[in-house]
Amino acid sequence: MFEKKTEIFKKRDRETWLQIKSTLKRAGLRGTRAGHYLQDVVMAGGCGAKLDPRDFGAKGKIDRDIYWVKVPESEEAHAKDILRQSGIVTGVDDDLMTDAALRKSPTDKYYP
């Protein structure tokens, strides 16, 4: 219960996050933690209501949350195996909190 947890999923993908949570729950994997948080700090609107002006476009509110799932270290391989058998691809995107101007582009991997 108080074992160190390892992050197996961290992305902006709500649908996959919901699938991972339900799959691990059905498999009976204990000690799994999941959640989400907002990445951006929102500038207050002019009226003082602290509304995000980007949410009033043609398609409505944009989901900017980052979704994560953590499992106990001893269960990491088992959890990934369960998800692989279910056809779910996991991943940890450590670049989510980096400012877009500072992110490395794919060409930076080939031309250091």
PDB file of N, CA and C in Angstrom:
ATOM      1  N   MET A   1       0.819  -1.189   0.000  1.00  0.00           N
ATOM      2  CA  MET A   1       0.000   0.000   0.000  1.00  0.00           C
ATOM      3  C   MET A   1       0.865   1.257   0.000  1.00  0.00           C
ATOM      4  N   PHE A   2       1.952   1.239   0.768  1.00  0.00           N
ATOM      5  CA  PHE A   2       2.810   2.412   0.843  1.00  0.00           C
ATOM      6  C   PHE A   2       4.069   2.235   0.011  1.00  0.00           C
ATOM      7  N   GLU A   3       3.956   1.421  -1.029  1.00  0.00           N
ATOM      8  CA  GLU A   3       5.080   1.172  -1.915  1.00  0.00           C
ATOM      9  C   GLU A   3       5.234   2.332  -2.893  1.00  0.00           C
ATOM     10  N   LYS A   4       6.486   2.592  -3.309  1.00  0.00           N
ATOM     11  CA  LYS A   4       6.740   3.650  -4.272  1.00  0.00           C
ATOM     12  C   LYS A   4       6.029   3.326  -5.584  1.00  0.00           C
ATOM     13  N   LYS A   5       5.458   4.352  -6.214  1.00  0.00           N
ATOM     14  CA  LYS A   5       4.693   4.164  -7.439  1.00  0.00           C
ATOM     15  C   LYS A   5       5.486   4.655  -8.654  1.00  0.00           C
ATOM     16  N   THR A   6       5.248   4.006  -9.769  1.00  0.00           N
ATOM     17  CA  THR A   6       5.891   4.358 -11.031  1.00  0.00           C
ATOM     18  C   THR A   6       4.835   4.849 -12.006  1.00  0.00           C
ATOM     19  N   GLU A   7       5.159   5.887 -12.718  1.00  0.00           N
ATOM     20  CA  GLU A   7       4.225   6.453 -13.683  1.00  0.00           C
ATOM     21  C   GLU A   7       4.290   5.636 -14.980  1.00  0.00           C
ATOM     22  N   ILE A   8       3.128   5.108 -15.395  1.00  0.00           N
ATOM     23  CA  ILE A   8       3.092   4.337 -16.640  1.00  0.00           C
ATOM     24  C   ILE A   8       2.352   5.088 -17.741  1.00  0.00           C
ATOM     25  N   PHE A   9       1.642   6.140 -17.383  1.00  0.00           N
ATOM     26  CA  PHE A   9       0.905   6.920 -18.374  1.00  0.00           C
ATOM     27  C   PHE A   9       0.856   8.370 -17.942  1.00  0.00           C
ATOM     28  N   LYS A  10       1.192   9.268 -18.887  1.00  0.00           N
ATOM     29  CA  LYS A  10       1.094  10.708 -18.627  1.00  0.00           C
ATOM     30  C   LYS A  10       1.002  11.400 -19.974  1.00  0.00           C
ATOM     31  N   LYS A  11      -0.208  11.751 -20.350  1.00  0.00           N
ATOM     32  CA  LYS A  11      -0.452  12.390 -21.638  1.00  0.00           C
ATOM     33  C   LYS A  11      -1.718  13.235 -21.577  1.00  0.00           C
ATOM     34  N   ARG A  12      -1.986  13.913 -22.669  1.00  0.00           N
ATOM     35  CA  ARG A  12      -3.246  14.645 -22.834  1.00  0.00           C
ATOM     36  C   ARG A  12      -4.195  13.776 -23.640  1.00  0.00           C
ATOM     37  N   ASP A  13      -4.628  12.693 -23.072  1.00  0.00           N
ATOM     38  CA  ASP A  13      -5.475  11.747 -23.792  1.00  0.00           C
ATOM     39  C   ASP A  13      -6.478  11.146 -22.814  1.00  0.00           C
ATOM     40  N   ARG A  14      -7.633  11.793 -22.698  1.00  0.00           N
ATOM     41  CA  ARG A  14      -8.641  11.368 -21.724  1.00  0.00           C
ATOM     42  C   ARG A  14      -9.204   9.984 -22.041  1.00  0.00           C
ATOM     43  N   GLU A  15      -9.444   9.686 -23.317  1.00  0.00           N
ATOM     44  CA  GLU A  15     -10.053   8.405 -23.678  1.00  0.00           C
ATOM     45  C   GLU A  15      -9.160   7.228 -23.287  1.00  0.00           C
ATOM     46  N   THR A  16      -7.868   7.324 -23.607  1.00  0.00           N
ATOM     47  CA  THR A  16      -6.939   6.250 -23.243  1.00  0.00           C
ATOM     48  C   THR A  16      -6.822   6.141 -21.734  1.00  0.00           C
ATOM     49  N   TRP A  17      -6.815   7.275 -21.044  1.00  0.00           N
ATOM     50  CA  TRP A  17      -6.730   7.291 -19.579  1.00  0.00           C
ATOM     51  C   TRP A  17      -7.907   6.535 -18.970  1.00  0.00           C
ATOM     52  N   LEU A  18      -9.123   6.777 -19.488  1.00  0.00           N
ATOM     53  CA  LEU A  18     -10.299   6.072 -18.985  1.00  0.00           C
ATOM     54  C   LEU A  18     -10.218   4.578 -19.263  1.00  0.00           C
ATOM     55  N   GLN A  19      -9.709   4.207 -20.442  1.00  0.00           N
ATOM     56  CA  GLN A  19      -9.550   2.794 -20.777  1.00  0.00           C
ATOM     57  C   GLN A  19      -8.549   2.115 -19.850  1.00  0.00           C
ATOM     58  N   ILE A  20      -7.431   2.786 -19.576  1.00  0.00           N
ATOM     59  CA  ILE A  20      -6.405   2.221 -18.688  1.00  0.00           C
ATOM     60  C   ILE A  20      -6.972   2.012 -17.294  1.00  0.00           C
ATOM     61  N   LYS A  21      -7.671   3.030 -16.773  1.00  0.00           N
ATOM     62  CA  LYS A  21      -8.238   2.907 -15.433  1.00  0.00           C
ATOM     63  C   LYS A  21      -9.204   1.732 -15.338  1.00  0.00           C
ATOM     64  N   SER A  22     -10.106   1.616 -16.296  1.00  0.00           N
ATOM     65  CA  SER A  22     -11.102   0.544 -16.229  1.00  0.00           C
ATOM     66  C   SER A  22     -10.467  -0.824 -16.445  1.00  0.00           C
ATOM     67  N   THR A  23      -9.479  -0.933 -17.322  1.00  0.00           N
ATOM     68  CA  THR A  23      -8.818  -2.213 -17.575  1.00  0.00           C
ATOM     69  C   THR A  23      -8.065  -2.696 -16.348  1.00  0.00           C
ATOM     70  N   LEU A  24      -7.320  -1.803 -15.703  1.00  0.00           N
ATOM     71  CA  LEU A  24      -6.574  -2.196 -14.509  1.00  0.00           C
ATOM     72  C   LEU A  24      -7.507  -2.529 -13.352  1.00  0.00           C
ATOM     73  N   LYS A  25      -8.632  -1.836 -13.262  1.00  0.00           N
ATOM     74  CA  LYS A  25      -9.603  -2.123 -12.207  1.00  0.00           C
ATOM     75  C   LYS A  25     -10.245  -3.496 -12.419  1.00  0.00           C
ATOM     76  N   ARG A  26     -10.619  -3.795 -13.671  1.00  0.00           N
ATOM     77  CA  ARG A  26     -11.206  -5.118 -13.970  1.00  0.00           C
ATOM     78  C   ARG A  26     -10.220  -6.244 -13.722  1.00  0.00           C
ATOM     79  N   ALA A  27      -8.925  -5.969 -13.941  1.00  0.00           N
ATOM     80  CA  ALA A  27      -7.897  -6.989 -13.722  1.00  0.00           C
ATOM     81  C   ALA A  27      -7.588  -7.181 -12.236  1.00  0.00           C
ATOM     82  N   GLY A  28      -8.092  -6.294 -11.405  1.00  0.00           N
ATOM     83  CA  GLY A  28      -7.894  -6.425  -9.957  1.00  0.00           C
ATOM     84  C   GLY A  28      -6.540  -5.953  -9.477  1.00  0.00           C
ATOM     85  N   LEU A  29      -5.877  -5.100 -10.238  1.00  0.00           N
ATOM     86  CA  LEU A  29      -4.572  -4.580  -9.841  1.00  0.00           C
ATOM     87  C   LEU A  29      -4.767  -3.579  -8.707  1.00  0.00           C
ATOM     88  N   ARG A  30      -4.167  -3.839  -7.583  1.00  0.00           N
ATOM     89  CA  ARG A  30      -4.336  -2.995  -6.396  1.00  0.00           C
ATOM     90  C   ARG A  30      -3.230  -1.952  -6.316  1.00  0.00           C
ATOM     91  N   GLY A  31      -3.536  -0.835  -5.689  1.00  0.00           N
ATOM     92  CA  GLY A  31      -2.553   0.218  -5.464  1.00  0.00           C
ATOM     93  C   GLY A  31      -2.389   1.168  -6.631  1.00  0.00           C
ATOM     94  N   THR A  32      -3.274   1.089  -7.604  1.00  0.00           N
ATOM     95  CA  THR A  32      -3.197   1.974  -8.763  1.00  0.00           C
ATOM     96  C   THR A  32      -3.762   3.349  -8.409  1.00  0.00           C
ATOM     97  N   ARG A  33      -3.081   4.382  -8.847  1.00  0.00           N
ATOM     98  CA  ARG A  33      -3.544   5.754  -8.636  1.00  0.00           C
ATOM     99  C   ARG A  33      -3.663   6.431  -9.991  1.00  0.00           C
ATOM    100  N   ALA A  34      -4.680   7.249 -10.171  1.00  0.00           N
ATOM    101  CA  ALA A  34      -4.874   7.969 -11.423  1.00  0.00           C
ATOM    102  C   ALA A  34      -5.462   9.334 -11.122  1.00  0.00           C
ATOM    103  N   GLY A  35      -5.143  10.289 -11.972  1.00  0.00           N
ATOM    104  CA  GLY A  35      -5.676  11.627 -11.787  1.00  0.00           C
ATOM    105  C   GLY A  35      -5.372  12.507 -12.979  1.00  0.00           C
ATOM    106  N   HIS A  36      -5.720  13.765 -12.843  1.00  0.00           N
ATOM    107  CA  HIS A  36      -5.433  14.734 -13.901  1.00  0.00           C
ATOM    108  C   HIS A  36      -5.269  16.103 -13.274  1.00  0.00           C
ATOM    109  N   TYR A  37      -4.564  16.959 -13.996  1.00  0.00           N
ATOM    110  CA  TYR A  37      -4.358  18.323 -13.527  1.00  0.00           C
ATOM    111  C   TYR A  37      -4.246  19.248 -14.731  1.00  0.00           C
ATOM    112  N   LEU A  38      -4.492  20.514 -14.504  1.00  0.00           N
ATOM    113  CA  LEU A  38      -4.429  21.511 -15.565  1.00  0.00           C
ATOM    114  C   LEU A  38      -2.992  21.983 -15.707  1.00  0.00           C
ATOM    115  N   GLN A  39      -2.505  21.979 -16.932  1.00  0.00           N
ATOM    116  CA  GLN A  39      -1.124  22.375 -17.174  1.00  0.00           C
ATOM    117  C   GLN A  39      -0.935  23.873 -17.098  1.00  0.00           C
ATOM    118  N   ASP A  40      -1.830  24.605 -17.720  1.00  0.00           N
ATOM    119  CA  ASP A  40      -1.640  26.039 -17.901  1.00  0.00           C
ATOM    120  C   ASP A  40      -2.101  26.852 -16.707  1.00  0.00           C
ATOM    121  N   VAL A  41      -1.441  27.982 -16.512  1.00  0.00           N
ATOM    122  CA  VAL A  41      -1.921  28.991 -15.591  1.00  0.00           C
ATOM    123  C   VAL A  41      -2.706  29.975 -16.444  1.00  0.00           C
ATOM    124  N   VAL A  42      -3.940  30.217 -16.083  1.00  0.00           N
ATOM    125  CA  VAL A  42      -4.828  31.025 -16.918  1.00  0.00           C
ATOM    126  C   VAL A  42      -4.765  32.479 -16.491  1.00  0.00           C
ATOM    127  N   MET A  43      -4.637  33.343 -17.472  1.00  0.00           N
ATOM    128  CA  MET A  43      -4.680  34.771 -17.200  1.00  0.00           C
ATOM    129  C   MET A  43      -6.122  35.153 -16.887  1.00  0.00           C
ATOM    130  N   ALA A  44      -6.294  36.002 -15.926  1.00  0.00           N
ATOM    131  CA  ALA A  44      -7.651  36.426 -15.557  1.00  0.00           C
ATOM    132  C   ALA A  44      -8.266  37.264 -16.663  1.00  0.00           C
ATOM    133  N   GLY A  45      -9.559  37.057 -16.876  1.00  0.00           N
ATOM    134  CA  GLY A  45     -10.284  37.847 -17.883  1.00  0.00           C
ATOM    135  C   GLY A  45     -10.468  39.275 -17.396  1.00  0.00           C
ATOM    136  N   GLY A  46     -10.865  40.151 -18.269  1.00  0.00           N
ATOM    137  CA  GLY A  46     -11.015  41.567 -17.937  1.00  0.00           C
ATOM    138  C   GLY A  46     -12.125  41.839 -16.944  1.00  0.00           C
ATOM    139  N   CYS A  47     -13.110  40.935 -16.833  1.00  0.00           N
ATOM    140  CA  CYS A  47     -14.237  41.201 -15.952  1.00  0.00           C
ATOM    141  C   CYS A  47     -13.987  40.689 -14.530  1.00  0.00           C
ATOM    142  N   GLY A  48     -12.835  40.073 -14.289  1.00  0.00           N
ATOM    143  CA  GLY A  48     -12.524  39.578 -12.958  1.00  0.00           C
ATOM    144  C   GLY A  48     -13.130  38.226 -12.650  1.00  0.00           C
ATOM    145  N   ALA A  49     -13.743  37.583 -13.617  1.00  0.00           N
ATOM    146  CA  ALA A  49     -14.385  36.292 -13.394  1.00  0.00           C
ATOM    147  C   ALA A  49     -13.407  35.126 -13.515  1.00  0.00           C
ATOM    148  N   LYS A  50     -12.184  35.407 -13.913  1.00  0.00           N
ATOM    149  CA  LYS A  50     -11.147  34.398 -14.090  1.00  0.00           C
ATOM    150  C   LYS A  50     -11.569  33.318 -15.081  1.00  0.00           C
ATOM    151  N   LEU A  51     -12.228  33.731 -16.136  1.00  0.00           N
ATOM    152  CA  LEU A  51     -12.605  32.819 -17.209  1.00  0.00           C
ATOM    153  C   LEU A  51     -11.456  32.750 -18.209  1.00  0.00           C
ATOM    154  N   ASP A  52     -11.269  31.592 -18.785  1.00  0.00           N
ATOM    155  CA  ASP A  52     -10.228  31.415 -19.777  1.00  0.00           C
ATOM    156  C   ASP A  52     -10.780  31.876 -21.128  1.00  0.00           C
ATOM    157  N   PRO A  53     -10.241  32.932 -21.706  1.00  0.00           N
ATOM    158  CA  PRO A  53     -10.781  33.441 -22.970  1.00  0.00           C
ATOM    159  C   PRO A  53     -10.644  32.455 -24.119  1.00  0.00           C
ATOM    160  N   ARG A  54      -9.759  31.456 -23.997  1.00  0.00           N
ATOM    161  CA  ARG A  54      -9.581  30.465 -25.065  1.00  0.00           C
ATOM    162  C   ARG A  54     -10.729  29.467 -25.114  1.00  0.00           C
ATOM    163  N   ASP A  55     -11.593  29.448 -24.099  1.00  0.00           N
ATOM    164  CA  ASP A  55     -12.684  28.482 -24.045  1.00  0.00           C
ATOM    165  C   ASP A  55     -13.941  28.938 -24.779  1.00  0.00           C
ATOM    166  N   PHE A  56     -13.911  30.094 -25.383  1.00  0.00           N
ATOM    167  CA  PHE A  56     -15.112  30.626 -26.011  1.00  0.00           C
ATOM    168  C   PHE A  56     -14.999  30.645 -27.529  1.00  0.00           C
ATOM    169  N   GLY A  57     -14.381  29.613 -28.085  1.00  0.00           N
ATOM    170  CA  GLY A  57     -14.262  29.496 -29.531  1.00  0.00           C
ATOM    171  C   GLY A  57     -15.471  28.781 -30.118  1.00  0.00           C
ATOM    172  N   ALA A  58     -15.367  28.474 -31.397  1.00  0.00           N
ATOM    173  CA  ALA A  58     -16.475  27.842 -32.112  1.00  0.00           C
ATOM    174  C   ALA A  58     -16.775  26.434 -31.595  1.00  0.00           C
ATOM    175  N   LYS A  59     -15.752  25.729 -31.114  1.00  0.00           N
ATOM    176  CA  LYS A  59     -15.947  24.346 -30.662  1.00  0.00           C
ATOM    177  C   LYS A  59     -16.079  24.232 -29.144  1.00  0.00           C
ATOM    178  N   GLY A  60     -16.105  25.316 -28.436  1.00  0.00           N
ATOM    179  CA  GLY A  60     -16.284  25.283 -26.992  1.00  0.00           C
ATOM    180  C   GLY A  60     -14.994  25.044 -26.236  1.00  0.00           C
ATOM    181  N   LYS A  61     -15.120  24.551 -25.034  1.00  0.00           N
ATOM    182  CA  LYS A  61     -13.989  24.372 -24.132  1.00  0.00           C
ATOM    183  C   LYS A  61     -13.004  23.334 -24.666  1.00  0.00           C
ATOM    184  N   ILE A  62     -11.731  23.642 -24.552  1.00  0.00           N
ATOM    185  CA  ILE A  62     -10.665  22.748 -24.976  1.00  0.00           C
ATOM    186  C   ILE A  62     -10.147  22.011 -23.745  1.00  0.00           C
ATOM    187  N   ASP A  63      -9.935  20.698 -23.867  1.00  0.00           N
ATOM    188  CA  ASP A  63      -9.410  19.900 -22.757  1.00  0.00           C
ATOM    189  C   ASP A  63      -7.899  20.063 -22.711  1.00  0.00           C
ATOM    190  N   ARG A  64      -7.402  20.775 -21.703  1.00  0.00           N
ATOM    191  CA  ARG A  64      -5.964  21.005 -21.557  1.00  0.00           C
ATOM    192  C   ARG A  64      -5.375  20.206 -20.404  1.00  0.00           C
ATOM    193  N   ASP A  65      -6.156  19.320 -19.818  1.00  0.00           N
ATOM    194  CA  ASP A  65      -5.681  18.556 -18.673  1.00  0.00           C
ATOM    195  C   ASP A  65      -4.639  17.519 -19.088  1.00  0.00           C
ATOM    196  N   ILE A  66      -3.745  17.233 -18.159  1.00  0.00           N
ATOM    197  CA  ILE A  66      -2.757  16.178 -18.331  1.00  0.00           C
ATOM    198  C   ILE A  66      -3.208  15.025 -17.449  1.00  0.00           C
ATOM    199  N   TYR A  67      -3.360  13.853 -18.039  1.00  0.00           N
ATOM    200  CA  TYR A  67      -3.868  12.674 -17.338  1.00  0.00           C
ATOM    201  C   TYR A  67      -2.709  11.739 -17.009  1.00  0.00           C
ATOM    202  N   TRP A  68      -2.722  11.161 -15.797  1.00  0.00           N
ATOM    203  CA  TRP A  68      -1.641  10.277 -15.370  1.00  0.00           C
ATOM    204  C   TRP A  68      -2.169   9.037 -14.657  1.00  0.00           C
ATOM    205  N   VAL A  69      -1.378   7.978 -14.710  1.00  0.00           N
ATOM    206  CA  VAL A  69      -1.674   6.730 -13.996  1.00  0.00           C
ATOM    207  C   VAL A  69      -0.370   6.230 -13.392  1.00  0.00           C
ATOM    208  N   LYS A  70      -0.411   5.886 -12.109  1.00  0.00           N
ATOM    209  CA  LYS A  70       0.752   5.331 -11.413  1.00  0.00           C
ATOM    210  C   LYS A  70       0.382   3.979 -10.822  1.00  0.00           C
ATOM    211  N   VAL A  71       1.353   3.057 -10.858  1.00  0.00           N
ATOM    212  CA  VAL A  71       1.169   1.724 -10.274  1.00  0.00           C
ATOM    213  C   VAL A  71       2.353   1.443  -9.353  1.00  0.00           C
ATOM    214  N   PRO A  72       2.199   0.520  -8.392  1.00  0.00           N
ATOM    215  CA  PRO A  72       3.335   0.158  -7.552  1.00  0.00           C
ATOM    216  C   PRO A  72       4.482  -0.385  -8.402  1.00  0.00           C
ATOM    217  N   GLU A  73       5.721  -0.094  -7.997  1.00  0.00           N
ATOM    218  CA  GLU A  73       6.887  -0.534  -8.766  1.00  0.00           C
ATOM    219  C   GLU A  73       6.894  -2.043  -8.983  1.00  0.00           C
ATOM    220  N   SER A  74       6.472  -2.804  -7.980  1.00  0.00           N
ATOM    221  CA  SER A  74       6.493  -4.262  -8.105  1.00  0.00           C
ATOM    222  C   SER A  74       5.460  -4.776  -9.100  1.00  0.00           C
ATOM    223  N   GLU A  75       4.453  -3.971  -9.420  1.00  0.00           N
ATOM    224  CA  GLU A  75       3.387  -4.373 -10.338  1.00  0.00           C
ATOM    225  C   GLU A  75       3.516  -3.741 -11.722  1.00  0.00           C
ATOM    226  N   GLU A  76       4.580  -2.990 -11.960  1.00  0.00           N
ATOM    227  CA  GLU A  76       4.709  -2.260 -13.224  1.00  0.00           C
ATOM    228  C   GLU A  76       4.694  -3.187 -14.438  1.00  0.00           C
ATOM    229  N   ALA A  77       5.497  -4.235 -14.418  1.00  0.00           N
ATOM    230  CA  ALA A  77       5.552  -5.160 -15.557  1.00  0.00           C
ATOM    231  C   ALA A  77       4.204  -5.853 -15.756  1.00  0.00           C
ATOM    232  N   HIS A  78       3.573  -6.235 -14.658  1.00  0.00           N
ATOM    233  CA  HIS A  78       2.269  -6.899 -14.738  1.00  0.00           C
ATOM    234  C   HIS A  78       1.205  -5.958 -15.316  1.00  0.00           C
ATOM    235  N   ALA A  79       1.216  -4.708 -14.877  1.00  0.00           N
ATOM    236  CA  ALA A  79       0.239  -3.736 -15.376  1.00  0.00           C
ATOM    237  C   ALA A  79       0.444  -3.475 -16.866  1.00  0.00           C
ATOM    238  N   LYS A  80       1.685  -3.316 -17.286  1.00  0.00           N
ATOM    239  CA  LYS A  80       1.961  -3.085 -18.705  1.00  0.00           C
ATOM    240  C   LYS A  80       1.573  -4.296 -19.542  1.00  0.00           C
ATOM    241  N   ASP A  81       1.764  -5.494 -18.991  1.00  0.00           N
ATOM    242  CA  ASP A  81       1.376  -6.713 -19.701  1.00  0.00           C
ATOM    243  C   ASP A  81      -0.146  -6.778 -19.864  1.00  0.00           C
ATOM    244  N   ILE A  82      -0.873  -6.429 -18.819  1.00  0.00           N
ATOM    245  CA  ILE A  82      -2.346  -6.407 -18.883  1.00  0.00           C
ATOM    246  C   ILE A  82      -2.806  -5.436 -19.967  1.00  0.00           C
ATOM    247  N   LEU A  83      -2.218  -4.254 -19.986  1.00  0.00           N
ATOM    248  CA  LEU A  83      -2.609  -3.240 -20.961  1.00  0.00           C
ATOM    249  C   LEU A  83      -2.220  -3.644 -22.388  1.00  0.00           C
ATOM    250  N   ARG A  84      -1.051  -4.259 -22.531  1.00  0.00           N
ATOM    251  CA  ARG A  84      -0.612  -4.710 -23.850  1.00  0.00           C
ATOM    252  C   ARG A  84      -1.554  -5.773 -24.401  1.00  0.00           C
ATOM    253  N   GLN A  85      -1.998  -6.700 -23.538  1.00  0.00           N
ATOM    254  CA  GLN A  85      -2.927  -7.741 -23.962  1.00  0.00           C
ATOM    255  C   GLN A  85      -4.283  -7.145 -24.341  1.00  0.00           C
ATOM    256  N   SER A  86      -4.634  -6.015 -23.761  1.00  0.00           N
ATOM    257  CA  SER A  86      -5.894  -5.347 -24.069  1.00  0.00           C
ATOM    258  C   SER A  86      -5.781  -4.445 -25.296  1.00  0.00           C
ATOM    259  N   GLY A  87      -4.568  -4.300 -25.817  1.00  0.00           N
ATOM    260  CA  GLY A  87      -4.364  -3.464 -26.992  1.00  0.00           C
ATOM    261  C   GLY A  87      -4.237  -1.986 -26.690  1.00  0.00           C
ATOM    262  N   ILE A  88      -3.918  -1.640 -25.453  1.00  0.00           N
ATOM    263  CA  ILE A  88      -3.787  -0.239 -25.054  1.00  0.00           C
ATOM    264  C   ILE A  88      -2.309   0.129 -25.009  1.00  0.00           C
ATOM    265  N   VAL A  89      -1.967   1.232 -25.650  1.00  0.00           N
ATOM    266  CA  VAL A  89      -0.586   1.701 -25.678  1.00  0.00           C
ATOM    267  C   VAL A  89      -0.422   2.784 -24.616  1.00  0.00           C
ATOM    268  N   THR A  90       0.534   2.592 -23.727  1.00  0.00           N
ATOM    269  CA  THR A  90       0.798   3.590 -22.684  1.00  0.00           C
ATOM    270  C   THR A  90       2.035   4.390 -23.056  1.00  0.00           C
ATOM    271  N   GLY A  91       2.240   5.463 -22.336  1.00  0.00           N
ATOM    272  CA  GLY A  91       3.423   6.269 -22.560  1.00  0.00           C
ATOM    273  C   GLY A  91       3.480   7.421 -21.582  1.00  0.00           C
ATOM    274  N   VAL A  92       4.694   7.863 -21.319  1.00  0.00           N
ATOM    275  CA  VAL A  92       4.905   9.002 -20.440  1.00  0.00           C
ATOM    276  C   VAL A  92       5.539  10.104 -21.273  1.00  0.00           C
ATOM    277  N   ASP A  93       4.850  11.198 -21.418  1.00  0.00           N
ATOM    278  CA  ASP A  93       5.332  12.334 -22.182  1.00  0.00           C
ATOM    279  C   ASP A  93       5.884  13.353 -21.193  1.00  0.00           C
ATOM    280  N   ASP A  94       7.203  13.334 -20.996  1.00  0.00           N
ATOM    281  CA  ASP A  94       7.830  14.251 -20.040  1.00  0.00           C
ATOM    282  C   ASP A  94       7.941  15.667 -20.578  1.00  0.00           C
ATOM    283  N   ASP A  95       7.639  15.841 -21.846  1.00  0.00           N
ATOM    284  CA  ASP A  95       7.783  17.133 -22.496  1.00  0.00           C
ATOM    285  C   ASP A  95       6.530  17.996 -22.357  1.00  0.00           C
ATOM    286  N   LEU A  96       5.513  17.513 -21.650  1.00  0.00           N
ATOM    287  CA  LEU A  96       4.240  18.235 -21.571  1.00  0.00           C
ATOM    288  C   LEU A  96       4.347  19.582 -20.874  1.00  0.00           C
ATOM    289  N   MET A  97       5.132  19.667 -19.844  1.00  0.00           N
ATOM    290  CA  MET A  97       5.203  20.893 -19.064  1.00  0.00           C
ATOM    291  C   MET A  97       6.232  21.885 -19.601  1.00  0.00           C
ATOM    292  N   THR A  98       6.966  21.486 -20.643  1.00  0.00           N
ATOM    293  CA  THR A  98       7.967  22.366 -21.232  1.00  0.00           C
ATOM    294  C   THR A  98       7.285  23.367 -22.146  1.00  0.00           C
ATOM    295  N   ASP A  99       7.738  24.592 -22.106  1.00  0.00           N
ATOM    296  CA  ASP A  99       7.191  25.618 -22.982  1.00  0.00           C
ATOM    297  C   ASP A  99       7.438  25.219 -24.432  1.00  0.00           C
ATOM    298  N   ALA A 100       6.490  25.483 -25.305  1.00  0.00           N
ATOM    299  CA  ALA A 100       6.579  25.059 -26.702  1.00  0.00           C
ATOM    300  C   ALA A 100       7.851  25.580 -27.373  1.00  0.00           C
ATOM    301  N   ALA A 101       8.305  26.755 -27.027  1.00  0.00           N
ATOM    302  CA  ALA A 101       9.500  27.318 -27.649  1.00  0.00           C
ATOM    303  C   ALA A 101      10.762  26.575 -27.219  1.00  0.00           C
ATOM    304  N   LEU A 102      10.720  25.902 -26.061  1.00  0.00           N
ATOM    305  CA  LEU A 102      11.904  25.217 -25.548  1.00  0.00           C
ATOM    306  C   LEU A 102      11.927  23.728 -25.875  1.00  0.00           C
ATOM    307  N   ARG A 103      10.825  23.186 -26.404  1.00  0.00           N
ATOM    308  CA  ARG A 103      10.771  21.766 -26.723  1.00  0.00           C
ATOM    309  C   ARG A 103      11.722  21.435 -27.858  1.00  0.00           C
ATOM    310  N   LYS A 104      12.281  20.230 -27.788  1.00  0.00           N
ATOM    311  CA  LYS A 104      13.151  19.777 -28.869  1.00  0.00           C
ATOM    312  C   LYS A 104      12.298  19.237 -29.997  1.00  0.00           C
ATOM    313  N   SER A 105      12.645  19.604 -31.185  1.00  0.00           N
ATOM    314  CA  SER A 105      11.929  19.071 -32.343  1.00  0.00           C
ATOM    315  C   SER A 105      12.530  17.720 -32.707  1.00  0.00           C
ATOM    316  N   PRO A 106      11.831  16.900 -33.484  1.00  0.00           N
ATOM    317  CA  PRO A 106      12.365  15.586 -33.869  1.00  0.00           C
ATOM    318  C   PRO A 106      13.710  15.683 -34.578  1.00  0.00           C
ATOM    319  N   THR A 107      13.987  16.784 -35.283  1.00  0.00           N
ATOM    320  CA  THR A 107      15.262  16.898 -35.984  1.00  0.00           C
ATOM    321  C   THR A 107      16.419  17.109 -35.011  1.00  0.00           C
ATOM    322  N   ASP A 108      16.143  17.597 -33.793  1.00  0.00           N
ATOM    323  CA  ASP A 108      17.208  17.796 -32.803  1.00  0.00           C
ATOM    324  C   ASP A 108      17.808  16.465 -32.359  1.00  0.00           C
ATOM    325  N   LYS A 109      17.052  15.381 -32.473  1.00  0.00           N
ATOM    326  CA  LYS A 109      17.579  14.071 -32.084  1.00  0.00           C
ATOM    327  C   LYS A 109      18.660  13.621 -33.066  1.00  0.00           C
ATOM    328  N   TYR A 110      18.517  14.034 -34.318  1.00  0.00           N
ATOM    329  CA  TYR A 110      19.442  13.588 -35.346  1.00  0.00           C
ATOM    330  C   TYR A 110      20.600  14.557 -35.586  1.00  0.00           C
ATOM    331  N   TYR A 111      20.372  15.828 -35.289  1.00  0.00           N
ATOM    332  CA  TYR A 111      21.400  16.843 -35.492  1.00  0.00           C
ATOM    333  C   TYR A 111      21.646  17.589 -34.181  1.00  0.00           C
ATOM    334  N   PRO A 112      22.459  17.019 -33.280  1.00  0.00           N
ATOM    335  CA  PRO A 112      22.674  17.665 -31.975  1.00  0.00           C
ATOM    336  C   PRO A 112      23.435  18.964 -32.053  1.00  0.00           C
TER     337      PRO A 112
END
